[in-house]
């Protein structure tokens, strides 16, 4: 969703509609106190099979916006990564008089205000679910929380036999976002279909280094930007239920193995992705501009859409990097996008 800033685009109008939705109006059929906690042993992480992408494009917007620590989340499904025992401050933004509750299967929660909670991640590595819902049933945000193996578990450049490599001890430009990741999510083949966000799965971002399990760094900021860009692409008439993720997370070891010399690629932190639209599944960017060719001009068109997402200040989107790359014998033209925290174009 876009903050009102430069006119009223389609997503801005959708934000206004959300603000006026029944979940923000008093007396919508529920007497439950806002801020309640429900422990539900049946609550499970959301999977793509339960929410198939078919028919007309669905924005995936939740009906209210949630603040979770440093993130603003306005989508029904979102993945966040956590270390065992991490605390998360969760708040429904502008709840009005509508009642909201938190539903958990594990971990610990306590109410801190009428529509705010603190949730503590469990110690068990793996996927867990936290669901914040309007009591009257008009909206929800379902968080897939991936509890990570801490980076301290990496020994001799490997994590349980999976090659990770090493990160530079000195962060680029002294920026905290270039410190080594806190940990890595453990992803087994059976969990590749976990939803990372409404239109992307965890498996789309995995490093191409094989293994069982594999390990993943993935930024929620990247997911928020990709969702906003996908919405704008559809709004501009380029129908797609997802982007093809040509490259998502890369371990430092894999990054070196494929010949990349940089130690500061944002792919290594899980907040960089190389993307294009490929509805026909032929491995090449679609002919977006209608000139009869699939080439770098189509990637430039997609890049302009992505660039507009940042310029229009979508909710939850932070500045990042953007570039267009042409085709080689091994890949299609594509757009690189990342959420490094400052604007970069090359």
Protein backbone atom coordinates (compact mmCIF):
# COMPACT_ATOMS: atom_id res chain seq x y z
CA UNK A 1 0.00 0.00 0.00
CA UNK A 2 1.12 3.49 -0.78
CA UNK A 3 1.17 6.41 1.61
CA UNK A 4 -0.63 9.42 0.11
CA UNK A 5 2.25 11.46 -1.26
CA UNK A 6 2.14 12.26 -4.95
CA UNK A 7 -1.46 12.12 -6.11
CA UNK A 8 -3.88 9.22 -5.75
CA UNK A 9 -2.90 6.06 -7.56
CA UNK A 10 -4.87 2.83 -7.40
CA UNK A 11 -3.09 1.53 -4.34
CA UNK A 12 -3.54 4.85 -2.53
CA UNK A 13 -7.27 4.59 -3.09
CA UNK A 14 -7.19 1.02 -1.83
CA UNK A 15 -5.45 2.24 1.34
CA UNK A 16 -8.24 4.77 1.85
CA UNK A 17 -10.81 2.00 1.45
CA UNK A 18 -9.02 -0.13 4.03
CA UNK A 19 -9.04 2.77 6.50
CA UNK A 20 -12.81 2.98 6.11
CA UNK A 21 -13.40 -0.79 6.25
CA UNK A 22 -15.73 -2.38 8.86
CA UNK A 23 -12.78 -3.58 10.95
CA UNK A 24 -12.21 0.04 11.96
CA UNK A 25 -15.84 0.71 12.88
CA UNK A 26 -17.36 0.14 16.30
CA UNK A 27 -20.10 -2.36 16.88
CA UNK A 28 -19.55 -4.69 13.93
CA UNK A 29 -21.10 -7.73 15.54
CA UNK A 30 -18.56 -8.61 18.25
CA UNK A 31 -18.42 -8.07 21.98
CA UNK A 32 -14.89 -9.52 22.41
CA UNK A 33 -12.38 -7.25 24.07
CA UNK A 34 -9.64 -6.05 21.76
CA UNK A 35 -6.23 -7.38 22.66
CA UNK A 36 -7.31 -10.87 23.61
CA UNK A 37 -4.99 -13.86 23.22
CA UNK A 38 -6.15 -17.19 21.82
CA UNK A 39 -3.95 -20.26 22.05
CA UNK A 40 -4.83 -22.56 19.16
CA UNK A 41 -2.91 -25.80 18.74
CA UNK A 42 -4.33 -26.24 15.23
CA UNK A 43 -2.84 -22.98 13.93
CA UNK A 44 -0.22 -23.83 11.30
CA UNK A 45 2.08 -21.94 8.94
CA UNK A 46 0.32 -20.90 5.72
CA UNK A 47 1.18 -22.80 2.55
CA UNK A 48 0.73 -21.94 -1.11
CA UNK A 49 -1.59 -24.90 -1.72
CA UNK A 50 -4.09 -23.41 0.73
CA UNK A 51 -4.16 -20.09 -1.13
CA UNK A 52 -3.80 -20.87 -4.87
CA UNK A 53 -2.98 -18.02 -7.24
CA UNK A 54 -5.64 -18.26 -9.89
CA UNK A 55 -8.29 -16.13 -11.50
CA UNK A 56 -8.06 -12.34 -11.30
CA UNK A 57 -5.14 -10.83 -9.43
CA UNK A 58 -5.77 -10.50 -5.69
CA UNK A 59 -3.67 -7.85 -3.96
CA UNK A 60 -3.45 -9.91 -0.76
CA UNK A 61 -4.10 -6.80 1.32
CA UNK A 62 -5.21 -7.60 4.84
CA UNK A 63 -7.87 -5.04 5.78
CA UNK A 64 -5.63 -3.37 8.37
CA UNK A 65 -1.96 -2.55 8.80
CA UNK A 66 0.21 -4.25 11.38
CA UNK A 67 3.40 -2.93 12.91
CA UNK A 68 5.76 -5.78 13.83
CA UNK A 69 8.98 -4.40 15.31
CA UNK A 70 10.56 -2.47 12.40
CA UNK A 71 8.10 -3.61 9.71
CA UNK A 72 4.75 -2.21 8.58
CA UNK A 73 2.77 -5.12 7.14
CA UNK A 74 -0.47 -4.62 5.24
CA UNK A 75 -0.78 -8.07 3.63
CA UNK A 76 -2.66 -11.16 4.74
CA UNK A 77 0.47 -13.32 4.70
CA UNK A 78 4.06 -12.42 5.49
CA UNK A 79 7.18 -14.25 6.59
CA UNK A 80 9.52 -12.92 9.25
CA UNK A 81 12.73 -14.50 10.49
CA UNK A 82 13.53 -14.80 14.18
CA UNK A 83 16.08 -16.26 16.53
CA UNK A 84 14.88 -18.54 19.32
CA UNK A 85 13.41 -16.40 22.11
CA UNK A 86 13.24 -13.18 20.06
CA UNK A 87 10.59 -10.71 21.22
CA UNK A 88 8.22 -9.06 18.73
CA UNK A 89 6.19 -5.94 19.48
CA UNK A 90 2.98 -6.31 17.47
CA UNK A 91 0.48 -3.48 17.07
CA UNK A 92 -2.60 -2.98 14.92
CA UNK A 93 -2.13 0.44 13.36
CA UNK A 94 -5.19 2.72 13.69
CA UNK A 95 -7.60 -0.03 14.85
CA UNK A 96 -10.39 2.46 15.57
CA UNK A 97 -12.99 0.83 17.82
CA UNK A 98 -12.79 -2.55 16.10
CA UNK A 99 -11.61 -5.44 18.25
CA UNK A 100 -8.54 -7.50 17.30
CA UNK A 101 -6.96 -10.56 18.84
CA UNK A 102 -3.80 -12.58 18.47
CA UNK A 103 -3.92 -16.31 17.81
CA UNK A 104 -0.82 -18.40 18.55
CA UNK A 105 0.10 -22.07 18.56
CA UNK A 106 3.36 -21.75 20.47
CA UNK A 107 5.68 -19.16 21.89
CA UNK A 108 4.42 -16.76 24.55
CA UNK A 109 2.22 -13.68 24.21
CA UNK A 110 1.05 -10.92 26.47
CA UNK A 111 -1.28 -8.00 25.83
CA UNK A 112 0.38 -4.59 26.11
CA UNK A 113 -2.51 -2.35 24.97
CA UNK A 114 -5.97 -2.59 23.40
CA UNK A 115 -4.59 -3.83 20.07
CA UNK A 116 -0.94 -4.51 20.92
CA UNK A 117 0.96 -7.55 22.09
CA UNK A 118 4.44 -8.83 22.76
CA UNK A 119 5.07 -12.27 21.29
CA UNK A 120 8.17 -14.30 22.15
CA UNK A 121 9.34 -16.78 19.54
CA UNK A 122 9.70 -20.40 20.69
CA UNK A 123 13.08 -22.08 20.99
CA UNK A 124 12.25 -24.70 18.36
CA UNK A 125 13.92 -24.08 15.00
CA UNK A 126 11.44 -24.21 12.12
CA UNK A 127 8.20 -22.61 10.91
CA UNK A 128 5.65 -21.25 13.38
CA UNK A 129 2.43 -19.30 12.94
CA UNK A 130 1.10 -16.11 14.52
CA UNK A 131 -2.23 -14.70 13.37
CA UNK A 132 -3.66 -11.28 14.19
CA UNK A 133 -7.31 -11.05 13.25
CA UNK A 134 -10.24 -8.70 13.53
CA UNK A 135 -12.77 -10.31 15.84
CA UNK A 136 -15.62 -9.58 13.41
CA UNK A 137 -13.86 -11.57 10.69
CA UNK A 138 -13.13 -8.72 8.28
CA UNK A 139 -9.36 -9.07 8.10
CA UNK A 140 -6.28 -10.91 9.30
CA UNK A 141 -2.50 -10.96 9.05
CA UNK A 142 -0.99 -14.43 9.22
CA UNK A 143 2.72 -14.40 10.02
CA UNK A 144 4.89 -17.35 9.05
CA UNK A 145 7.70 -17.02 11.58
CA UNK A 146 10.85 -18.90 10.58
CA UNK A 147 12.89 -19.51 13.72
CA UNK A 148 16.51 -19.67 12.61
CA UNK A 149 19.68 -21.46 13.45
CA UNK A 150 21.95 -18.71 14.88
CA UNK A 151 25.03 -17.81 12.87
CA UNK A 152 27.12 -19.07 15.77
CA UNK A 153 26.07 -22.57 14.65
CA UNK A 154 28.12 -22.15 11.46
CA UNK A 155 31.33 -24.11 11.95
CA UNK A 156 34.22 -24.07 9.49
CA UNK A 157 32.01 -22.33 6.95
CA UNK A 158 29.18 -24.87 7.08
CA UNK A 159 25.88 -25.29 8.90
CA UNK A 160 24.96 -28.92 9.51
CA UNK A 161 27.02 -29.80 6.46
CA UNK A 162 25.50 -27.11 4.22
CA UNK A 163 28.15 -24.72 2.84
CA UNK A 164 27.62 -21.15 4.04
CA UNK A 165 31.06 -19.55 3.74
CA UNK A 166 31.93 -16.40 5.64
CA UNK A 167 30.95 -12.75 5.78
CA UNK A 168 33.28 -9.80 6.01
CA UNK A 169 33.83 -8.78 9.61
CA UNK A 170 33.98 -5.11 8.58
CA UNK A 171 30.58 -3.92 7.30
CA UNK A 172 30.42 -1.93 4.07
CA UNK A 173 30.59 1.81 4.85
CA UNK A 174 30.19 0.87 8.51
CA UNK A 175 26.47 0.23 7.94
CA UNK A 176 24.76 -2.13 10.35
CA UNK A 177 22.78 -3.71 7.49
CA UNK A 178 26.10 -5.17 6.27
CA UNK A 179 26.89 -6.95 9.50
CA UNK A 180 26.66 -10.75 9.19
CA UNK A 181 23.09 -12.09 9.39
CA UNK A 182 21.89 -13.14 12.83
CA UNK A 183 21.08 -16.61 11.55
CA UNK A 184 19.58 -18.74 8.81
CA UNK A 185 16.17 -20.36 8.44
CA UNK A 186 16.29 -24.14 8.08
CA UNK A 187 14.23 -25.12 5.02
CA UNK A 188 13.47 -28.73 4.18
CA UNK A 189 12.07 -29.68 0.78
CA UNK A 190 8.64 -30.23 2.33
CA UNK A 191 8.57 -26.61 3.49
CA UNK A 192 9.51 -24.88 0.24
CA UNK A 193 5.82 -24.13 -0.35
CA UNK A 194 5.50 -22.04 2.82
CA UNK A 195 4.15 -18.61 1.97
CA UNK A 196 6.72 -15.85 2.21
CA UNK A 197 4.02 -13.34 1.24
CA UNK A 198 0.72 -13.56 -0.68
CA UNK A 199 2.39 -14.14 -4.07
CA UNK A 200 5.75 -15.68 -3.21
CA UNK A 201 6.90 -18.86 -1.51
CA UNK A 202 9.97 -19.49 0.60
CA UNK A 203 11.26 -21.89 -2.03
CA UNK A 204 11.51 -19.14 -4.65
CA UNK A 205 14.28 -17.46 -2.66
CA UNK A 206 16.44 -20.45 -1.75
CA UNK A 207 20.09 -20.55 -2.72
CA UNK A 208 20.72 -22.83 -5.69
CA UNK A 209 23.31 -24.78 -3.71
CA UNK A 210 21.64 -28.19 -3.22
CA UNK A 211 21.23 -29.78 0.18
CA UNK A 212 18.71 -31.21 2.64
CA UNK A 213 17.93 -29.08 4.49
CA UNK A 214 19.00 -25.82 2.89
CA UNK A 215 19.50 -22.59 4.81
CA UNK A 216 18.02 -19.21 3.99
CA UNK A 217 18.34 -15.54 4.80
CA UNK A 218 15.28 -13.59 3.68
CA UNK A 219 14.32 -9.97 4.32
CA UNK A 220 10.73 -9.02 5.06
CA UNK A 221 11.54 -5.61 3.57
CA UNK A 222 12.32 -7.33 0.26
CA UNK A 223 9.00 -9.16 0.35
CA UNK A 224 7.11 -5.92 0.99
CA UNK A 225 8.81 -4.26 -1.98
CA UNK A 226 8.18 -7.22 -4.29
CA UNK A 227 4.50 -7.31 -3.34
CA UNK A 228 4.11 -3.58 -3.97
CA UNK A 229 5.90 -3.89 -7.34
CA UNK A 230 3.72 -6.85 -8.36
CA UNK A 231 0.59 -4.86 -7.49
CA UNK A 232 1.75 -1.92 -9.60
CA UNK A 233 2.69 -4.18 -12.52
CA UNK A 234 -0.81 -5.63 -12.52
CA UNK A 235 -2.37 -2.21 -12.11
CA UNK A 236 -0.40 -1.06 -15.16
CA UNK A 237 -1.87 -3.93 -17.19
CA UNK A 238 0.94 -6.50 -16.99
CA UNK A 239 -0.95 -9.45 -15.56
CA UNK A 240 1.14 -11.72 -13.33
CA UNK A 241 0.45 -13.71 -10.18
CA UNK A 242 4.14 -13.59 -9.19
CA UNK A 243 7.57 -12.61 -10.44
CA UNK A 244 10.01 -15.25 -11.54
CA UNK A 245 12.85 -15.11 -9.00
CA UNK A 246 15.93 -15.92 -11.05
CA UNK A 247 18.18 -15.50 -8.03
CA UNK A 248 17.29 -14.82 -4.42
CA UNK A 249 19.49 -15.68 -1.46
CA UNK A 250 23.07 -16.72 -2.13
CA UNK A 251 25.41 -17.98 0.54
CA UNK A 252 28.87 -16.38 0.44
CA UNK A 253 30.21 -19.81 -0.52
CA UNK A 254 27.85 -20.14 -3.48
CA UNK A 255 28.40 -16.54 -4.53
CA UNK A 256 32.14 -17.24 -4.81
CA UNK A 257 31.55 -20.56 -6.53
CA UNK A 258 29.68 -18.90 -9.41
CA UNK A 259 32.45 -16.36 -9.91
CA UNK A 260 31.10 -13.27 -8.13
CA UNK A 261 33.92 -11.36 -6.49
CA UNK A 262 31.91 -8.96 -4.38
CA UNK A 263 31.53 -9.70 -0.68
CA UNK A 264 28.78 -7.13 -0.26
CA UNK A 265 26.09 -8.29 -2.69
CA UNK A 266 22.70 -7.89 -1.03
CA UNK A 267 21.84 -11.41 -2.20
CA UNK A 268 24.09 -12.60 0.64
CA UNK A 269 21.75 -11.01 3.19
CA UNK A 270 18.55 -12.25 1.58
CA UNK A 271 17.31 -8.81 0.64
CA UNK A 272 18.27 -8.91 -3.04
CA UNK A 273 16.41 -10.62 -5.89
CA UNK A 274 16.77 -10.82 -9.68
CA UNK A 275 13.29 -10.85 -11.17
CA UNK A 276 11.22 -10.80 -14.33
CA UNK A 277 7.71 -11.64 -15.49
CA UNK A 278 7.50 -15.03 -17.16
CA UNK A 279 3.87 -16.07 -17.46
CA UNK A 280 4.50 -18.62 -20.21
CA UNK A 281 7.28 -20.34 -18.25
CA UNK A 282 9.82 -20.35 -21.07
CA UNK A 283 12.61 -18.97 -18.89
CA UNK A 284 12.69 -15.61 -20.69
CA UNK A 285 11.13 -12.30 -19.74
CA UNK A 286 7.74 -11.78 -21.38
CA UNK A 287 7.25 -9.25 -24.17
CA UNK A 288 5.87 -6.55 -21.92
CA UNK A 289 6.08 -3.62 -24.33
CA UNK A 290 4.42 -5.50 -27.20
CA UNK A 291 7.18 -4.99 -29.77
CA UNK A 292 7.36 -8.68 -30.61
CA UNK A 293 10.66 -9.25 -28.80
CA UNK A 294 11.62 -10.36 -25.29
CA UNK A 295 14.67 -8.27 -24.54
CA UNK A 296 16.25 -5.68 -22.27
CA UNK A 297 13.60 -3.12 -23.22
CA UNK A 298 11.06 -5.22 -21.35
CA UNK A 299 13.34 -5.35 -18.31
CA UNK A 300 13.67 -1.56 -18.42
CA UNK A 301 9.88 -1.26 -18.46
CA UNK A 302 9.61 -3.48 -15.38
CA UNK A 303 12.38 -1.49 -13.68
CA UNK A 304 10.41 1.73 -14.15
CA UNK A 305 7.48 0.13 -12.36
CA UNK A 306 9.71 -0.99 -9.48
CA UNK A 307 11.32 2.44 -9.28
CA UNK A 308 7.90 4.03 -8.92
CA UNK A 309 7.11 1.84 -5.91
CA UNK A 310 9.95 3.43 -3.97
CA UNK A 311 9.21 6.94 -5.21
CA UNK A 312 5.55 6.68 -4.22
CA UNK A 313 6.43 5.60 -0.67
CA UNK A 314 4.40 2.41 -0.40
CA UNK A 315 3.68 1.35 3.16
CA UNK A 316 6.52 -0.80 4.46
CA UNK A 317 8.86 -0.12 1.52
CA UNK A 318 12.35 1.21 2.24
CA UNK A 319 14.95 2.56 -0.22
CA UNK A 320 17.17 0.11 -2.03
CA UNK A 321 19.09 -0.81 -5.13
CA UNK A 322 17.78 -1.20 -8.67
CA UNK A 323 19.44 -2.13 -11.94
CA UNK A 324 18.70 -3.75 -15.30
CA UNK A 325 20.80 -6.51 -16.83
CA UNK A 326 20.72 -7.80 -20.39
CA UNK A 327 20.55 -11.38 -21.60
CA UNK A 328 23.50 -13.76 -21.75
CA UNK A 329 23.75 -17.33 -22.99
CA UNK A 330 22.68 -18.48 -19.52
CA UNK A 331 19.90 -16.09 -18.50
CA UNK A 332 17.13 -13.76 -19.60
CA UNK A 333 17.23 -10.00 -19.20
CA UNK A 334 16.23 -9.23 -15.61
CA UNK A 335 15.77 -6.55 -12.99
CA UNK A 336 17.84 -6.58 -9.81
CA UNK A 337 16.07 -5.20 -6.76
CA UNK A 338 17.26 -4.96 -3.18
CA UNK A 339 16.38 -3.26 0.09
CA UNK A 340 19.77 -2.16 1.36
CA UNK A 341 18.29 0.83 3.17
CA UNK A 342 19.51 3.59 0.86
CA UNK A 343 18.81 4.43 -2.77
CA UNK A 344 21.25 3.07 -5.34
CA UNK A 345 20.96 2.91 -9.14
CA UNK A 346 23.52 1.57 -11.61
